[in-house]
Structure formats: structure tokens, C-alpha cells
Amino acid sequence: MLPKFYIEYLKTYLPSSEFLTLQILVWLLQVHRQVRIERLASSFPYPIKCESRRKKIQRFLMLPRLSLPLLWFPLIKKIISTQYKKGDKLIITIDRTQWKNNNISMASVIWKKRALPIYWLLLSKKGSSNFYEQVATIRPVLKLLKDYKLVVIGDREYRSTAFALWLTKKKIYLILRLNKSTKIKPRYKKYQSLDSLDIKPGDKVLYPKVLVTEEKRQDRFNVVVYWKRKYNNKQLPSPWYLLTNLENKDEVIKIFASRGGIEAMFRDCKSGGYNLEGSQANAQRLTNLILIIAIAYTANCLVGLKIRNTGHQEYINRLKLEGKNRPRHSYFWTGLYGTTWVLSMDICWEWVEKLMLTSLNKLPFYQKGLTAMKRIQSIV
């Protein structure tokens, strides 16, 4: 269910009863893909009344030990250390998502076209985050990952020069997407709006050391403008306008393009995977439900990577989309489906054995599949 180092760490941090409860909740999340407390309580395999199970889960989600800095930070730092060496460049993406009435600001690390959650805040309002909320979201991450070279990327909500300047003073690289109406001033020229620039599909242009907006700030940044050329009869409606303190325009474009990883992660956590948007928990319980999702999500990603490395992923899911070279499913889905397949076999083994006996001519194929299953069982 969980990688060995997850279990070793969680065992040392949580008392036995809390560790076991957490394991069961992660297992339920993997199987049922549902984080509503009512649904978790109905499936929680504990011999007490349903209402008592619901209250037990609610009390668990209010525990002070389920703290992001105390419980999650050491674990996510260990996860990152298994994937990257100290001094490596990490892409940190900051974004906000609305899950029904819950407004969440989150910082994540980009990993293999997905994002792994690091820190999140529930905002006590609707709509966009402000400068102080953005700093509150990213500051703990910068401190946690100080041994790496960090590049912070953000969409147009994070375009303020104040946020860019704050990151620059922290000696952090940044790429923030600007609105097309933003004005820039190259040296010895007048201010002009970005959408007035002569940019055509396929263009990549670097405007070095420009003033951004007509505020009285004198801090200069680089601006990269990129309009992806038409591909498969699809054309982006407008260019990317990227504020940065990096100087290589190709590097800037490549890094910012990885931002789609956090959108994919949000889909996985919403209706695409764990149905977080169905939760009606209060703020603290919701924060800790996201923590349980983060544990399950990262575990699935790592398990999916190991399954791919065994070469047995064809037993878990279809390998490729028709007409596409990329895999049909991400590491997350490979890990999630792999775990579900193994659990289903454990529960249904007697039926499966009888089913195989009805087609003895296919026994060599079944033996290969059982060998693959044993290999996958050793991973999950």
C-alpha cells in the first residue's frame, strides 16, 4: 500500500492507533476514491456503529499531530530526495484552485509531468489570492527546499512585480505569466502594452531588463514572449508573456510549459481521482483530508514509476493512446490501478482460480500474468 520508507517514518511519528487509522484511511481512499467523511465512515472496517466510526474519523482529522510542518514536511522532503540530488534544479509551481466553496492556495514541485503537493493554505475568501497569501504559501517551501536550486512559476494571478521582487531578493529564479494588457518599457523607449508587440505564431522573443507596469518601481526584469505555432490544427489564442529573472528564452519557455503538471494533479484530486470536491468538512478537517490525499497521491506516483520500471504496466492499463506517442496513463494512474488490481485479486482469488480452470488452453498466459502480479505485489 505505502512505500517502505513512508511506513517507517509514519510509525516513528504517530502513536500506533493513529498510524493504523491513517493506514486504513489511505487504503479506503485508494479503493473507493472518495474523501467524504460520511462515505469513509460507511466503509471503515472497524466493528463499531456507523455513527461511532464517523465520529472517530472526525476526531482523527482534528489531531494536532496531523500538522503539515511536523508530519508532512519531513516526508515530502524525503520523497524529493529519492528523486533529485541536492543542488538540482526544482520547478516549484504555485497555484490556486476552487473546490466548491473551498479556496485553496498550493505550492507543488513538478515531477514527471505531474506535480507533487508540498504546502497548501485554505483561503478565508473567494477569488484571487493577494501578495501576502502568495508569500505565505511559498515561504515554507523555500525554507524546506533550501538545498536545491528553485525556479518558482505561476500563472497570471501571481504576476505582481511585488511578488517577483520578493522572490528575487530571496535569490530565487522565477517565471510568472503576465496579462497581455501589462505595459513594459525597454531602455530608451516608451511604455507599450504587451498585446501591441508584433508577435506571430512561432515567435520567441526576449526583452531584456525592462521596466514592467507604469508604477514607480525601478526594478528591471526580463520578459519572454512566446506564441506556439499551429499544431494539429490547434492554435493558442494568444502568446505567453513571461516575467523572469532567467536569461535563456528557450529554458524559460520549457520550464513554464511544465506548469501543466499542477493542473493534472488538481484533476486527479478532484472528480478525476479522489473526489475531493465532494467533501463538506470544515477547514481543519479539509486541510488534513488533503494531507491524506497527498500521502496516497505521492505513494501512487512512486509505485507507478516502479511498475513502469518492471515492464509489467501492460497488465495494469492500456499503454498508449491511438495516434499518440505518449503513455495513455500517468505514473499516478498506473500506481492507483496497480494497487486496485492487486487488492481485487486478493479478495476474489477463489473466483479467479475457478475462472482460469474454464480455459486451461490459456494457462501459459495466466502463468505470465501471475508472475507479473507477484512482481507488482512486491512493489505495492
Protein backbone atom coordinates (compact mmCIF):
# COMPACT_ATOMS: atom_id res chain seq x y z
CA MET A 1 0.00 0.00 0.00
CA LEU A 2 2.59 2.55 1.10
CA PRO A 3 6.30 2.55 0.20
CA LYS A 4 8.52 1.16 2.93
CA PHE A 5 10.07 4.49 3.90
CA TYR A 6 6.58 6.03 4.32
CA ILE A 7 5.69 3.31 6.80
CA GLU A 8 8.99 3.55 8.69
CA TYR A 9 8.65 7.32 9.06
CA LEU A 10 4.94 7.36 9.96
CA LYS A 11 5.44 4.63 12.54
CA THR A 12 8.08 6.66 14.33
CA TYR A 13 5.99 9.85 14.29
CA LEU A 14 2.46 8.62 15.07
CA PRO A 15 1.26 6.50 18.00
CA SER A 16 0.20 3.01 16.97
CA SER A 17 -3.56 3.67 16.98
CA GLU A 18 -3.19 6.83 14.88
CA PHE A 19 -0.78 5.17 12.44
CA LEU A 20 -3.19 2.26 11.91
CA THR A 21 -6.13 4.63 11.43
CA LEU A 22 -4.13 6.57 8.85
CA GLN A 23 -3.22 3.36 7.00
CA ILE A 24 -6.88 2.32 6.85
CA LEU A 25 -7.98 5.74 5.58
CA VAL A 26 -5.31 5.71 2.87
CA TRP A 27 -6.41 2.20 1.88
CA LEU A 28 -10.06 3.30 1.70
CA LEU A 29 -9.04 6.29 -0.38
CA GLN A 30 -7.19 4.04 -2.84
CA VAL A 31 -10.09 1.63 -3.20
CA HIS A 32 -13.12 3.92 -3.09
CA ARG A 33 -11.54 7.18 -4.40
CA GLN A 34 -13.79 9.18 -2.12
CA VAL A 35 -12.92 11.54 0.74
CA ARG A 36 -16.36 12.45 2.06
CA ILE A 37 -16.28 11.59 5.75
CA GLU A 38 -19.74 10.01 5.51
CA ARG A 39 -18.55 7.66 2.75
CA LEU A 40 -15.29 6.85 4.52
CA ALA A 41 -17.20 6.01 7.71
CA SER A 42 -19.59 3.69 5.87
CA SER A 43 -16.63 1.63 4.60
CA PHE A 44 -14.29 1.94 7.59
CA PRO A 45 -13.70 -1.73 8.60
CA TYR A 46 -13.98 -1.31 12.37
CA PRO A 47 -16.54 -3.25 14.48
CA ILE A 48 -18.40 -0.26 15.94
CA LYS A 49 -21.60 1.52 14.94
CA CYS A 50 -21.52 3.66 11.82
CA GLU A 51 -22.09 6.90 13.74
CA SER A 52 -19.20 6.00 16.06
CA ARG A 53 -16.97 5.34 13.05
CA ARG A 54 -17.88 8.75 11.63
CA LYS A 55 -17.01 10.47 14.91
CA LYS A 56 -13.76 8.52 15.14
CA ILE A 57 -12.69 9.77 11.71
CA GLN A 58 -13.73 13.33 12.58
CA ARG A 59 -11.69 13.24 15.80
CA PHE A 60 -8.71 11.81 13.92
CA LEU A 61 -8.82 14.63 11.38
CA MET A 62 -8.62 17.20 14.19
CA LEU A 63 -5.43 15.78 15.73
CA PRO A 64 -2.66 18.39 16.23
CA ARG A 65 -0.11 15.79 15.10
CA LEU A 66 -1.56 15.95 11.58
CA SER A 67 0.47 19.08 11.03
CA LEU A 68 1.98 19.93 7.67
CA PRO A 69 5.32 21.20 9.08
CA LEU A 70 5.61 18.37 11.62
CA LEU A 71 4.27 15.35 9.72
CA TRP A 72 4.23 16.17 6.02
CA PHE A 73 7.35 18.29 5.52
CA PRO A 74 9.85 15.58 6.60
CA LEU A 75 8.06 13.04 4.40
CA ILE A 76 7.81 15.17 1.24
CA LYS A 77 11.43 16.23 1.73
CA LYS A 78 12.41 12.53 1.84
CA ILE A 79 10.30 11.83 -1.26
CA ILE A 80 12.03 14.63 -3.16
CA SER A 81 15.45 13.43 -2.02
CA THR A 82 14.74 10.00 -3.57
CA GLN A 83 14.07 11.66 -6.94
CA TYR A 84 16.60 14.53 -7.01
CA LYS A 85 20.11 15.23 -5.76
CA LYS A 86 20.96 18.21 -3.59
CA GLY A 87 21.74 21.18 -5.78
CA ASP A 88 19.44 20.00 -8.59
CA LYS A 89 17.05 22.47 -10.15
CA LEU A 90 13.48 22.04 -8.90
CA ILE A 91 10.48 23.68 -10.54
CA ILE A 92 8.06 24.90 -7.88
CA THR A 93 4.64 25.88 -9.14
CA ILE A 94 2.23 27.98 -7.12
CA ASP A 95 -1.44 27.94 -8.00
CA ARG A 96 -4.91 28.34 -6.56
CA THR A 97 -7.92 26.13 -7.11
CA GLN A 98 -11.57 26.36 -6.15
CA TRP A 99 -13.13 23.16 -4.86
CA LYS A 100 -16.80 24.11 -4.46
CA ASN A 101 -16.76 26.59 -1.55
CA ASN A 102 -13.12 25.84 -0.66
CA ASN A 103 -10.48 28.21 -1.99
CA ILE A 104 -7.03 26.61 -1.78
CA SER A 105 -3.60 28.05 -2.48
CA MET A 106 -0.98 25.36 -3.12
CA ALA A 107 2.73 25.08 -3.86
CA SER A 108 3.97 21.90 -5.56
CA VAL A 109 7.10 20.50 -7.16
CA ILE A 110 6.92 19.44 -10.81
CA TRP A 111 7.78 15.76 -11.21
CA LYS A 112 7.50 13.81 -14.49
CA LYS A 113 4.63 15.86 -15.98
CA ARG A 114 2.78 15.80 -12.67
CA ALA A 115 3.06 17.93 -9.54
CA LEU A 116 3.67 16.63 -6.02
CA PRO A 117 1.97 18.79 -3.35
CA ILE A 118 4.26 20.39 -0.78
CA TYR A 119 2.23 23.00 1.07
CA TRP A 120 -1.32 24.34 0.93
CA LEU A 121 -3.43 27.02 2.58
CA LEU A 122 -7.19 27.35 2.79
CA LEU A 123 -8.09 30.95 1.99
CA SER A 124 -10.88 32.50 4.01
CA LYS A 125 -12.41 34.20 0.97
CA LYS A 126 -13.41 33.61 -2.62
CA GLY A 127 -11.43 34.75 -5.62
CA SER A 128 -7.77 35.50 -6.27
CA SER A 129 -5.03 35.42 -3.65
CA ASN A 130 -3.18 38.59 -2.68
CA PHE A 131 0.54 39.22 -2.24
CA TYR A 132 0.57 38.26 1.45
CA GLU A 133 -1.26 34.97 0.83
CA GLN A 134 1.10 34.14 -2.01
CA VAL A 135 4.13 34.76 0.20
CA ALA A 136 2.55 32.70 3.00
CA THR A 137 2.11 29.81 0.54
CA ILE A 138 5.62 29.83 -0.90
CA ARG A 139 7.78 30.88 2.09
CA PRO A 140 7.69 27.48 3.93
CA VAL A 141 8.59 25.71 0.67
CA LEU A 142 11.66 27.89 0.07
CA LYS A 143 12.88 27.15 3.58
CA LEU A 144 12.19 23.42 3.29
CA LEU A 145 14.00 23.05 -0.05
CA LYS A 146 16.89 25.44 0.52
CA ASP A 147 19.40 22.77 -0.59
CA TYR A 148 18.07 22.89 -4.16
CA LYS A 149 18.07 25.48 -6.95
CA LEU A 150 14.48 26.60 -7.14
CA VAL A 151 12.51 28.10 -10.02
CA VAL A 152 9.07 29.38 -8.96
CA ILE A 153 6.47 29.51 -11.73
CA GLY A 154 2.97 30.93 -11.58
CA ASP A 155 0.11 31.90 -13.84
CA ARG A 156 -1.37 35.36 -14.26
CA GLU A 157 -2.73 35.51 -10.70
CA TYR A 158 0.90 35.75 -9.49
CA ARG A 159 2.03 38.37 -11.96
CA SER A 160 2.65 41.24 -9.49
CA THR A 161 6.06 42.85 -9.61
CA ALA A 162 5.95 42.95 -5.80
CA PHE A 163 5.86 39.13 -5.68
CA ALA A 164 8.58 38.91 -8.35
CA LEU A 165 10.76 41.35 -6.42
CA TRP A 166 10.22 39.42 -3.16
CA LEU A 167 11.39 36.20 -4.84
CA THR A 168 14.36 37.96 -6.44
CA LYS A 169 15.51 39.29 -3.06
CA LYS A 170 15.37 35.69 -1.79
CA LYS A 171 17.69 34.78 -4.72
CA ILE A 172 15.02 32.57 -6.25
CA TYR A 173 14.54 32.18 -10.00
CA LEU A 174 11.03 32.94 -11.22
CA ILE A 175 8.76 32.75 -14.25
CA LEU A 176 5.39 34.48 -13.85
CA ARG A 177 2.85 34.86 -16.62
CA LEU A 178 1.73 38.43 -17.34
CA ASN A 179 -1.56 39.77 -18.65
CA LYS A 180 -1.49 40.93 -22.24
CA SER A 181 -2.50 44.41 -21.09
CA THR A 182 0.66 44.77 -18.96
CA LYS A 183 2.98 47.56 -20.09
CA ILE A 184 6.74 47.25 -20.43
CA LYS A 185 9.45 49.83 -21.07
CA PRO A 186 12.72 48.74 -22.70
CA ARG A 187 15.65 51.09 -22.17
CA TYR A 188 15.36 54.37 -24.08
CA LYS A 189 11.83 53.57 -25.26
CA LYS A 190 8.32 54.44 -24.17
CA TYR A 191 5.92 52.16 -22.33
CA GLN A 192 3.88 49.88 -24.56
CA SER A 193 1.36 47.15 -23.79
CA LEU A 194 2.38 43.57 -24.45
CA ASP A 195 -0.51 42.93 -26.82
CA SER A 196 0.74 45.76 -29.05
CA LEU A 197 4.01 43.92 -29.76
CA ASP A 198 4.46 42.49 -33.25
CA ILE A 199 4.40 38.78 -32.36
CA LYS A 200 3.40 35.99 -34.75
CA PRO A 201 2.80 32.26 -34.15
CA GLY A 202 6.19 30.52 -33.78
CA ASP A 203 7.96 33.63 -32.42
CA LYS A 204 10.18 33.52 -29.32
CA VAL A 205 11.38 36.94 -28.21
CA LEU A 206 13.41 38.07 -25.19
CA TYR A 207 13.05 41.64 -23.96
CA PRO A 208 15.95 42.07 -21.52
CA LYS A 209 15.98 44.33 -18.47
CA VAL A 210 12.68 46.12 -18.95
CA LEU A 211 10.50 48.07 -16.55
CA VAL A 212 7.17 46.34 -16.03
CA THR A 213 3.97 48.39 -15.47
CA GLU A 214 3.93 52.14 -15.05
CA GLU A 215 4.39 52.03 -11.29
CA LYS A 216 7.29 53.98 -9.82
CA ARG A 217 9.37 50.83 -9.26
CA GLN A 218 12.75 50.92 -10.98
CA ASP A 219 13.43 47.19 -10.75
CA ARG A 220 14.04 45.61 -14.13
CA PHE A 221 13.14 42.09 -15.26
CA ASN A 222 13.40 40.07 -18.43
CA VAL A 223 10.22 39.40 -20.40
CA VAL A 224 9.94 36.42 -22.74
CA VAL A 225 7.14 36.36 -25.31
CA TYR A 226 6.27 33.05 -26.97
CA TRP A 227 3.44 32.16 -29.32
CA LYS A 228 3.30 28.46 -30.06
CA ARG A 229 2.91 27.74 -33.74
CA LYS A 230 -0.19 25.95 -35.03
CA TYR A 231 -0.03 22.24 -34.26
CA ASN A 232 -2.58 19.56 -35.27
CA ASN A 233 -4.89 22.34 -36.47
CA LYS A 234 -4.85 23.86 -32.98
CA GLN A 235 -3.66 27.38 -32.31
CA LEU A 236 -3.25 29.10 -28.94
CA PRO A 237 -5.40 32.25 -28.99
CA SER A 238 -2.60 34.46 -27.67
CA PRO A 239 1.11 34.34 -26.77
CA TRP A 240 2.63 33.67 -23.38
CA TYR A 241 4.06 36.82 -21.77
CA LEU A 242 6.52 35.66 -19.12
CA LEU A 243 8.20 37.78 -16.46
CA THR A 244 11.51 36.21 -15.37
CA ASN A 245 15.00 36.75 -13.99
CA LEU A 246 16.37 33.96 -16.20
CA GLU A 247 18.10 34.90 -19.44
CA ASN A 248 17.74 31.90 -21.75
CA LYS A 249 14.38 32.24 -23.52
CA ASP A 250 14.25 28.58 -24.58
CA GLU A 251 14.86 27.47 -21.00
CA VAL A 252 12.15 29.84 -19.75
CA ILE A 253 9.59 28.50 -22.22
CA LYS A 254 10.44 24.87 -21.46
CA ILE A 255 10.20 25.39 -17.70
CA PHE A 256 6.92 27.27 -17.85
CA ALA A 257 5.41 24.63 -20.15
CA SER A 258 5.80 22.12 -17.28
CA ARG A 259 3.22 24.10 -15.30
CA GLY A 260 0.52 21.80 -16.70
CA GLY A 261 1.62 19.27 -14.08
CA ILE A 262 -0.28 21.04 -11.33
CA GLU A 263 -3.45 21.17 -13.43
CA ALA A 264 -3.15 17.41 -13.92
CA MET A 265 -2.68 16.93 -10.17
CA PHE A 266 -5.77 19.02 -9.41
CA ARG A 267 -7.79 16.84 -11.80
CA ASP A 268 -6.51 13.72 -10.05
CA CYS A 269 -7.56 15.07 -6.67
CA LYS A 270 -10.96 16.23 -7.87
CA SER A 271 -13.53 14.21 -9.81
CA GLY A 272 -10.81 12.55 -11.86
CA GLY A 273 -9.43 10.63 -8.88
CA TYR A 274 -10.24 11.28 -5.22
CA ASN A 275 -13.39 13.41 -5.49
CA LEU A 276 -12.11 16.00 -3.05
CA GLU A 277 -14.68 18.47 -4.34
CA GLY A 278 -17.38 16.32 -2.72
CA SER A 279 -16.01 16.94 0.77
CA GLN A 280 -18.02 19.13 3.14
CA ALA A 281 -15.52 19.05 6.02
CA ASN A 282 -14.59 22.16 7.98
CA ALA A 283 -11.30 23.97 7.35
CA GLN A 284 -9.05 21.93 9.65
CA ARG A 285 -10.52 18.59 8.64
CA LEU A 286 -10.30 19.53 4.98
CA THR A 287 -6.64 20.53 5.40
CA ASN A 288 -5.94 17.11 6.92
CA LEU A 289 -8.03 15.29 4.29
CA ILE A 290 -5.78 16.93 1.70
CA LEU A 291 -2.83 15.65 3.75
CA ILE A 292 -4.16 12.08 3.49
CA ILE A 293 -4.69 12.60 -0.24
CA ALA A 294 -1.11 13.92 -0.54
CA ILE A 295 0.22 10.77 1.16
CA ALA A 296 -1.86 8.49 -1.08
CA TYR A 297 -1.18 10.51 -4.23
CA THR A 298 2.60 10.64 -3.89
CA ALA A 299 2.70 6.95 -2.92
CA ASN A 300 0.75 6.05 -6.07
CA CYS A 301 3.09 8.12 -8.22
CA LEU A 302 6.16 6.35 -6.83
CA VAL A 303 4.51 2.93 -7.11
CA GLY A 304 3.52 3.72 -10.71
CA LEU A 305 7.12 4.62 -11.51
CA LYS A 306 8.32 1.28 -10.08
CA ILE A 307 5.67 -0.66 -12.01
CA ARG A 308 6.76 1.04 -15.24
CA ASN A 309 10.35 0.09 -14.47
CA THR A 310 9.37 -3.59 -14.15
CA GLY A 311 7.97 -3.55 -17.69
CA HIS A 312 4.68 -5.08 -16.48
CA GLN A 313 2.49 -1.98 -16.87
CA GLU A 314 0.60 -3.64 -19.74
CA TYR A 315 -1.14 -5.75 -17.07
CA ILE A 316 -2.34 -2.57 -15.36
CA ASN A 317 -3.60 -0.35 -18.16
CA ARG A 318 -3.53 0.24 -21.90
CA LEU A 319 -0.11 1.53 -22.86
CA LYS A 320 -0.73 4.27 -25.42
CA LEU A 321 -3.41 6.48 -26.87
CA GLU A 322 -4.23 5.85 -30.52
CA GLY A 323 -2.12 8.09 -32.72
CA LYS A 324 -0.09 9.36 -29.74
CA ASN A 325 3.47 8.53 -28.69
CA ARG A 326 2.97 9.37 -25.02
CA PRO A 327 1.70 6.80 -22.45
CA ARG A 328 -2.05 6.61 -22.03
CA HIS A 329 -1.85 6.81 -18.24
CA SER A 330 0.38 8.75 -15.86
CA TYR A 331 2.51 7.25 -13.09
CA PHE A 332 -0.28 8.19 -10.67
CA TRP A 333 -2.92 6.20 -12.52
CA THR A 334 -0.56 3.26 -13.10
CA GLY A 335 0.11 3.14 -9.35
CA LEU A 336 -3.58 3.53 -8.45
CA TYR A 337 -4.78 0.89 -10.90
CA GLY A 338 -1.92 -1.43 -9.93
CA THR A 339 -2.87 -1.23 -6.26
CA THR A 340 -6.55 -1.80 -7.07
CA TRP A 341 -5.73 -4.81 -9.29
CA VAL A 342 -3.69 -6.49 -6.58
CA LEU A 343 -6.33 -5.83 -3.90
CA SER A 344 -9.06 -7.20 -6.17
CA MET A 345 -7.07 -10.38 -6.77
CA ASP A 346 -6.60 -10.90 -3.02
CA ILE A 347 -10.35 -10.58 -2.43
CA CYS A 348 -11.55 -12.55 -5.46
CA TRP A 349 -8.83 -15.21 -5.72
CA GLU A 350 -11.14 -18.24 -5.32
CA TRP A 351 -13.39 -17.00 -8.13
CA VAL A 352 -10.42 -16.14 -10.33
CA GLU A 353 -8.91 -19.59 -9.82
CA LYS A 354 -12.17 -21.27 -10.88
CA LEU A 355 -12.44 -18.91 -13.86
CA MET A 356 -8.95 -19.86 -15.08
CA LEU A 357 -9.86 -23.54 -14.88
CA THR A 358 -12.55 -22.95 -17.51
CA SER A 359 -9.87 -22.03 -20.08
CA LEU A 360 -6.94 -24.36 -19.50
CA ASN A 361 -5.64 -23.75 -23.03
CA LYS A 362 -4.68 -20.23 -21.89
CA LEU A 363 -2.71 -21.46 -18.87
CA PRO A 364 0.70 -20.23 -20.20
CA PHE A 365 -0.73 -16.69 -20.46
CA TYR A 366 -2.20 -16.92 -16.96
CA GLN A 367 1.18 -18.03 -15.59
CA LYS A 368 2.85 -14.97 -17.14
CA GLY A 369 0.17 -12.75 -15.65
CA LEU A 370 0.55 -14.31 -12.20
CA THR A 371 4.31 -13.78 -12.39
CA ALA A 372 3.70 -10.12 -13.24
CA MET A 373 1.21 -9.86 -10.38
CA LYS A 374 3.71 -11.25 -7.86
CA ARG A 375 6.25 -8.69 -9.05
CA ILE A 376 3.71 -5.89 -8.69
CA GLN A 377 2.61 -7.20 -5.27
CA SER A 378 6.20 -6.88 -4.08
CA ILE A 379 6.06 -3.17 -5.02
CA VAL A 380 2.66 -2.17 -3.64
